[in-house]
């Protein structure tokens, strides 16, 4: 089985911005920052998803944000935790021969909580 991890839409934009920031930091000699840690975390988790697409936590259907269901015609939704409380949301599509893992959202914990309507206690 082949697994391809694709970063799409807003997640792609956020990933590209992050790459640019990290590139500028590294050009200035920065070896460690929150952005560098986050980029490493995204790359590491993407590799884990290639070897095990079910690596993340499956999100129960009743919690799926309506906007994501409509936009991506979801049949499944998964979450992976990243460094510094960031999150990846992804969905799987495909068959037994090839699985496509679409990373559809990449965001910080506060934005994640808002999307899923979690209240602060």
N, C-alpha and C. Protein backbone atom coordinates (compact mmCIF):
# COMPACT_ATOMS: atom_id res chain seq x y z
N UNK A 1 0.85 -1.18 0.00
CA UNK A 1 0.00 0.00 0.00
C UNK A 1 0.89 1.25 0.00
N UNK A 2 0.58 2.17 -0.86
CA UNK A 2 1.28 3.44 -0.94
C UNK A 2 0.46 4.50 -0.23
N UNK A 3 1.11 5.32 0.58
CA UNK A 3 0.43 6.42 1.26
C UNK A 3 1.11 7.72 0.86
N UNK A 4 0.33 8.65 0.34
CA UNK A 4 0.83 9.97 -0.01
C UNK A 4 0.22 10.98 0.95
N UNK A 5 1.05 11.85 1.50
CA UNK A 5 0.57 12.91 2.38
C UNK A 5 0.58 14.21 1.58
N UNK A 6 -0.60 14.80 1.44
CA UNK A 6 -0.75 16.05 0.70
C UNK A 6 -1.23 17.14 1.65
N UNK A 7 -0.60 18.28 1.60
CA UNK A 7 -1.03 19.42 2.42
C UNK A 7 -1.80 20.34 1.49
N UNK A 8 -3.06 20.62 1.80
CA UNK A 8 -3.93 21.35 0.87
C UNK A 8 -4.50 22.62 1.49
N UNK A 9 -4.99 23.49 0.63
CA UNK A 9 -5.72 24.70 0.98
C UNK A 9 -5.00 25.55 2.02
N UNK A 10 -5.72 25.95 3.06
CA UNK A 10 -5.14 26.83 4.08
C UNK A 10 -3.95 26.19 4.78
N UNK A 11 -3.99 24.89 4.95
CA UNK A 11 -2.86 24.21 5.58
C UNK A 11 -1.61 24.38 4.71
N UNK A 12 -1.76 24.32 3.40
CA UNK A 12 -0.63 24.51 2.47
C UNK A 12 -0.09 25.92 2.62
N UNK A 13 -0.99 26.91 2.68
CA UNK A 13 -0.57 28.31 2.84
C UNK A 13 0.19 28.51 4.14
N UNK A 14 -0.33 27.97 5.23
CA UNK A 14 0.33 28.10 6.53
C UNK A 14 1.69 27.41 6.53
N UNK A 15 1.75 26.24 5.89
CA UNK A 15 3.01 25.49 5.82
C UNK A 15 4.05 26.28 5.02
N UNK A 16 3.64 26.88 3.92
CA UNK A 16 4.57 27.66 3.10
C UNK A 16 5.06 28.90 3.85
N UNK A 17 4.17 29.57 4.56
CA UNK A 17 4.57 30.73 5.37
C UNK A 17 5.58 30.30 6.43
N UNK A 18 5.30 29.19 7.08
CA UNK A 18 6.20 28.67 8.11
C UNK A 18 7.57 28.35 7.51
N UNK A 19 7.59 27.73 6.35
CA UNK A 19 8.86 27.43 5.66
C UNK A 19 9.65 28.70 5.39
N UNK A 20 8.96 29.76 4.97
CA UNK A 20 9.63 31.04 4.69
C UNK A 20 10.24 31.63 5.96
N UNK A 21 9.46 31.62 7.05
CA UNK A 21 9.94 32.15 8.32
C UNK A 21 11.17 31.37 8.78
N UNK A 22 11.09 30.06 8.72
CA UNK A 22 12.21 29.22 9.14
C UNK A 22 13.43 29.46 8.25
N UNK A 23 13.20 29.62 6.97
CA UNK A 23 14.31 29.91 6.05
C UNK A 23 15.03 31.21 6.41
N UNK A 24 14.26 32.25 6.74
CA UNK A 24 14.86 33.53 7.15
C UNK A 24 15.61 33.37 8.48
N UNK A 25 15.02 32.62 9.40
CA UNK A 25 15.68 32.41 10.69
C UNK A 25 17.00 31.67 10.52
N UNK A 26 16.98 30.63 9.73
CA UNK A 26 18.21 29.85 9.52
C UNK A 26 19.27 30.67 8.81
N UNK A 27 18.85 31.56 7.89
CA UNK A 27 19.80 32.44 7.20
C UNK A 27 20.49 33.39 8.18
N UNK A 28 19.79 33.71 9.27
CA UNK A 28 20.35 34.58 10.31
C UNK A 28 21.13 33.79 11.35
N UNK A 29 21.20 32.47 11.18
CA UNK A 29 21.96 31.65 12.10
C UNK A 29 21.15 31.09 13.27
N UNK A 30 19.85 31.30 13.26
CA UNK A 30 19.01 30.76 14.34
C UNK A 30 18.95 29.24 14.18
N UNK A 31 19.25 28.55 15.25
CA UNK A 31 19.25 27.08 15.21
C UNK A 31 18.02 26.47 15.87
N UNK A 32 17.35 27.25 16.72
CA UNK A 32 16.17 26.73 17.40
C UNK A 32 15.20 27.86 17.69
N UNK A 33 13.95 27.65 17.33
CA UNK A 33 12.88 28.61 17.60
C UNK A 33 11.57 27.83 17.61
N UNK A 34 10.50 28.47 18.02
CA UNK A 34 9.20 27.79 17.99
C UNK A 34 8.85 27.38 16.57
N UNK A 35 9.15 28.25 15.60
CA UNK A 35 8.83 27.96 14.21
C UNK A 35 9.64 26.77 13.69
N UNK A 36 10.92 26.72 14.03
CA UNK A 36 11.77 25.60 13.61
C UNK A 36 11.27 24.30 14.24
N UNK A 37 10.91 24.35 15.52
CA UNK A 37 10.38 23.16 16.18
C UNK A 37 9.07 22.70 15.53
N UNK A 38 8.19 23.67 15.20
CA UNK A 38 6.91 23.33 14.59
C UNK A 38 7.11 22.70 13.21
N UNK A 39 7.98 23.28 12.41
CA UNK A 39 8.25 22.72 11.08
C UNK A 39 8.79 21.29 11.19
N UNK A 40 9.72 21.06 12.11
CA UNK A 40 10.26 19.71 12.33
C UNK A 40 9.15 18.75 12.75
N UNK A 41 8.26 19.23 13.61
CA UNK A 41 7.16 18.40 14.10
C UNK A 41 6.22 18.02 12.95
N UNK A 42 5.90 18.97 12.08
CA UNK A 42 5.02 18.70 10.94
C UNK A 42 5.66 17.65 10.03
N UNK A 43 6.93 17.83 9.75
CA UNK A 43 7.62 16.88 8.87
C UNK A 43 7.69 15.49 9.49
N UNK A 44 7.97 15.43 10.78
CA UNK A 44 8.04 14.14 11.47
C UNK A 44 6.68 13.44 11.46
N UNK A 45 5.63 14.19 11.76
CA UNK A 45 4.29 13.58 11.80
C UNK A 45 3.84 13.17 10.40
N UNK A 46 4.23 13.92 9.38
CA UNK A 46 3.90 13.54 8.00
C UNK A 46 4.54 12.21 7.65
N UNK A 47 5.77 12.00 8.08
CA UNK A 47 6.44 10.72 7.83
C UNK A 47 5.74 9.59 8.58
N UNK A 48 5.31 9.86 9.81
CA UNK A 48 4.58 8.84 10.57
C UNK A 48 3.28 8.48 9.87
N UNK A 49 2.60 9.48 9.30
CA UNK A 49 1.35 9.22 8.59
C UNK A 49 1.58 8.38 7.33
N UNK A 50 2.72 8.54 6.70
CA UNK A 50 3.04 7.72 5.52
C UNK A 50 3.18 6.26 5.90
N UNK A 51 3.73 5.99 7.07
CA UNK A 51 3.90 4.60 7.48
C UNK A 51 2.66 4.05 8.19
N UNK A 52 1.84 4.94 8.74
CA UNK A 52 0.63 4.51 9.44
C UNK A 52 -0.43 5.60 9.34
N UNK A 53 -1.29 5.57 8.31
CA UNK A 53 -2.27 6.64 8.11
C UNK A 53 -3.25 6.80 9.28
N UNK A 54 -3.41 5.76 10.08
CA UNK A 54 -4.31 5.83 11.24
C UNK A 54 -3.56 6.22 12.50
N UNK A 55 -2.41 6.86 12.36
CA UNK A 55 -1.58 7.25 13.49
C UNK A 55 -2.31 8.22 14.43
N UNK A 56 -3.08 9.13 13.90
CA UNK A 56 -3.72 10.16 14.71
C UNK A 56 -4.90 9.66 15.51
N UNK A 57 -5.57 10.60 16.15
CA UNK A 57 -6.78 10.29 16.91
C UNK A 57 -7.99 10.51 16.01
N UNK A 58 -8.82 9.49 15.87
CA UNK A 58 -10.02 9.62 15.06
C UNK A 58 -11.03 10.49 15.81
N UNK A 59 -11.57 11.48 15.11
CA UNK A 59 -12.52 12.40 15.72
C UNK A 59 -13.93 11.88 15.46
N UNK A 60 -14.74 11.72 16.51
CA UNK A 60 -16.12 11.23 16.33
C UNK A 60 -16.92 12.16 15.40
N UNK A 61 -17.72 11.55 14.55
CA UNK A 61 -18.50 12.28 13.54
C UNK A 61 -19.32 13.41 14.16
N UNK A 62 -19.88 13.21 15.32
CA UNK A 62 -20.74 14.24 15.93
C UNK A 62 -19.98 15.52 16.25
N UNK A 63 -18.64 15.46 16.29
CA UNK A 63 -17.82 16.64 16.59
C UNK A 63 -17.30 17.35 15.34
N UNK A 64 -17.51 16.77 14.16
CA UNK A 64 -16.96 17.36 12.95
C UNK A 64 -17.57 18.73 12.68
N UNK A 65 -16.75 19.73 12.47
CA UNK A 65 -17.27 21.06 12.11
C UNK A 65 -17.96 21.01 10.74
N UNK A 66 -19.17 21.55 10.68
CA UNK A 66 -19.98 21.50 9.47
C UNK A 66 -19.24 22.07 8.27
N UNK A 67 -18.50 23.16 8.49
CA UNK A 67 -17.78 23.79 7.38
C UNK A 67 -16.76 22.86 6.74
N UNK A 68 -16.13 22.01 7.55
CA UNK A 68 -15.15 21.06 7.01
C UNK A 68 -15.84 19.91 6.28
N UNK A 69 -16.96 19.45 6.82
CA UNK A 69 -17.71 18.37 6.20
C UNK A 69 -18.14 18.78 4.80
N UNK A 70 -18.67 20.01 4.69
CA UNK A 70 -19.15 20.49 3.40
C UNK A 70 -18.00 20.75 2.42
N UNK A 71 -16.93 21.34 2.90
CA UNK A 71 -15.83 21.70 2.02
C UNK A 71 -15.09 20.47 1.49
N UNK A 72 -14.89 19.46 2.33
CA UNK A 72 -14.06 18.31 1.95
C UNK A 72 -14.84 17.01 1.76
N UNK A 73 -16.17 17.06 1.88
CA UNK A 73 -16.99 15.86 1.72
C UNK A 73 -16.41 14.72 2.57
N UNK A 74 -16.26 15.00 3.86
CA UNK A 74 -15.57 14.09 4.77
C UNK A 74 -16.32 12.78 4.98
N UNK A 75 -15.55 11.72 5.06
CA UNK A 75 -16.06 10.43 5.51
C UNK A 75 -15.31 9.97 6.75
N UNK A 76 -14.21 10.71 7.07
CA UNK A 76 -13.42 10.44 8.28
C UNK A 76 -12.65 11.71 8.60
N UNK A 77 -12.29 11.87 9.85
CA UNK A 77 -11.52 13.04 10.27
C UNK A 77 -10.61 12.63 11.42
N UNK A 78 -9.34 13.01 11.31
CA UNK A 78 -8.33 12.62 12.27
C UNK A 78 -7.57 13.85 12.76
N UNK A 79 -6.99 13.73 13.94
CA UNK A 79 -6.19 14.81 14.53
C UNK A 79 -4.84 14.26 14.96
N UNK A 80 -3.81 15.08 14.73
CA UNK A 80 -2.47 14.77 15.21
C UNK A 80 -1.99 15.98 15.99
N UNK A 81 -1.45 15.73 17.16
CA UNK A 81 -0.91 16.81 17.98
C UNK A 81 0.52 17.09 17.57
N UNK A 82 0.85 18.37 17.50
CA UNK A 82 2.19 18.82 17.16
C UNK A 82 2.81 19.49 18.38
N UNK A 83 4.03 19.92 18.23
CA UNK A 83 4.71 20.65 19.29
C UNK A 83 4.00 21.97 19.58
N UNK A 84 4.20 22.50 20.76
CA UNK A 84 3.65 23.80 21.18
C UNK A 84 2.13 23.90 21.01
N UNK A 85 1.45 22.79 21.20
CA UNK A 85 -0.02 22.72 21.19
C UNK A 85 -0.64 23.02 19.84
N UNK A 86 0.08 22.87 18.75
CA UNK A 86 -0.48 22.99 17.42
C UNK A 86 -1.14 21.67 17.04
N UNK A 87 -2.00 21.71 16.03
CA UNK A 87 -2.74 20.53 15.60
C UNK A 87 -2.74 20.42 14.07
N UNK A 88 -2.82 19.18 13.61
CA UNK A 88 -3.10 18.88 12.20
C UNK A 88 -4.44 18.16 12.18
N UNK A 89 -5.31 18.57 11.26
CA UNK A 89 -6.51 17.80 10.96
C UNK A 89 -6.30 17.19 9.59
N UNK A 90 -6.67 15.91 9.46
CA UNK A 90 -6.50 15.28 8.15
C UNK A 90 -7.62 14.28 7.91
N UNK A 91 -7.79 13.96 6.64
CA UNK A 91 -8.77 12.97 6.22
C UNK A 91 -8.10 11.99 5.28
N UNK A 92 -8.59 10.78 5.24
CA UNK A 92 -8.02 9.73 4.39
C UNK A 92 -9.00 9.41 3.27
N UNK A 93 -8.46 9.26 2.08
CA UNK A 93 -9.26 8.86 0.93
C UNK A 93 -8.44 7.85 0.15
N UNK A 94 -9.11 6.93 -0.51
CA UNK A 94 -8.38 5.98 -1.33
C UNK A 94 -8.86 4.56 -1.13
N UNK A 95 -8.03 3.64 -1.59
CA UNK A 95 -8.36 2.22 -1.49
C UNK A 95 -7.18 1.46 -0.90
N UNK A 96 -7.20 0.17 -1.02
CA UNK A 96 -6.15 -0.65 -0.40
C UNK A 96 -4.80 -0.50 -1.09
N UNK A 97 -4.80 -0.02 -2.32
CA UNK A 97 -3.55 0.10 -3.06
C UNK A 97 -2.88 1.44 -2.78
N UNK A 98 -3.68 2.49 -2.72
CA UNK A 98 -3.12 3.82 -2.50
C UNK A 98 -4.03 4.60 -1.57
N UNK A 99 -3.45 5.17 -0.53
CA UNK A 99 -4.19 6.01 0.41
C UNK A 99 -3.64 7.42 0.29
N UNK A 100 -4.54 8.37 0.17
CA UNK A 100 -4.15 9.77 0.16
C UNK A 100 -4.52 10.37 1.51
N UNK A 101 -3.57 10.94 2.14
CA UNK A 101 -3.78 11.59 3.43
C UNK A 101 -3.75 13.09 3.18
N UNK A 102 -4.90 13.73 3.26
CA UNK A 102 -5.00 15.16 3.01
C UNK A 102 -4.94 15.92 4.32
N UNK A 103 -3.89 16.67 4.54
CA UNK A 103 -3.83 17.56 5.70
C UNK A 103 -4.64 18.79 5.32
N UNK A 104 -5.76 19.00 6.02
CA UNK A 104 -6.67 20.08 5.63
C UNK A 104 -6.60 21.29 6.54
N UNK A 105 -6.09 21.12 7.74
CA UNK A 105 -5.97 22.25 8.66
C UNK A 105 -4.69 22.11 9.46
N UNK A 106 -4.08 23.25 9.69
CA UNK A 106 -2.88 23.33 10.50
C UNK A 106 -3.04 24.58 11.34
N UNK A 107 -3.20 24.40 12.66
CA UNK A 107 -3.47 25.58 13.47
C UNK A 107 -3.09 25.39 14.93
N UNK A 108 -3.06 26.53 15.64
CA UNK A 108 -2.71 26.50 17.05
C UNK A 108 -3.89 25.99 17.87
N UNK A 109 -3.63 25.73 19.13
CA UNK A 109 -4.63 25.12 20.01
C UNK A 109 -5.86 26.01 20.18
N UNK A 110 -5.67 27.31 20.30
CA UNK A 110 -6.80 28.23 20.50
C UNK A 110 -7.75 28.20 19.30
N UNK A 111 -7.20 28.22 18.10
CA UNK A 111 -8.03 28.17 16.89
C UNK A 111 -8.72 26.82 16.79
N UNK A 112 -8.04 25.76 17.16
CA UNK A 112 -8.62 24.41 17.17
C UNK A 112 -9.83 24.38 18.11
N UNK A 113 -9.66 24.93 19.32
CA UNK A 113 -10.75 24.96 20.29
C UNK A 113 -11.95 25.73 19.75
N UNK A 114 -11.70 26.83 19.07
CA UNK A 114 -12.80 27.63 18.50
C UNK A 114 -13.53 26.85 17.42
N UNK A 115 -12.79 26.19 16.56
CA UNK A 115 -13.40 25.41 15.48
C UNK A 115 -14.30 24.31 16.02
N UNK A 116 -13.87 23.65 17.07
CA UNK A 116 -14.64 22.55 17.65
C UNK A 116 -15.56 23.01 18.78
N UNK A 117 -15.61 24.34 18.99
CA UNK A 117 -16.49 24.95 19.99
C UNK A 117 -16.27 24.42 21.40
N UNK A 118 -14.98 24.22 21.72
CA UNK A 118 -14.63 23.84 23.08
C UNK A 118 -14.61 25.09 23.95
N UNK A 119 -15.17 24.99 25.12
CA UNK A 119 -15.18 26.13 26.05
C UNK A 119 -13.98 26.05 26.96
N UNK A 120 -13.47 27.23 27.29
CA UNK A 120 -12.41 27.28 28.29
C UNK A 120 -13.02 27.14 29.66
N UNK A 121 -12.36 26.38 30.51
CA UNK A 121 -12.90 26.19 31.85
C UNK A 121 -12.07 26.93 32.86
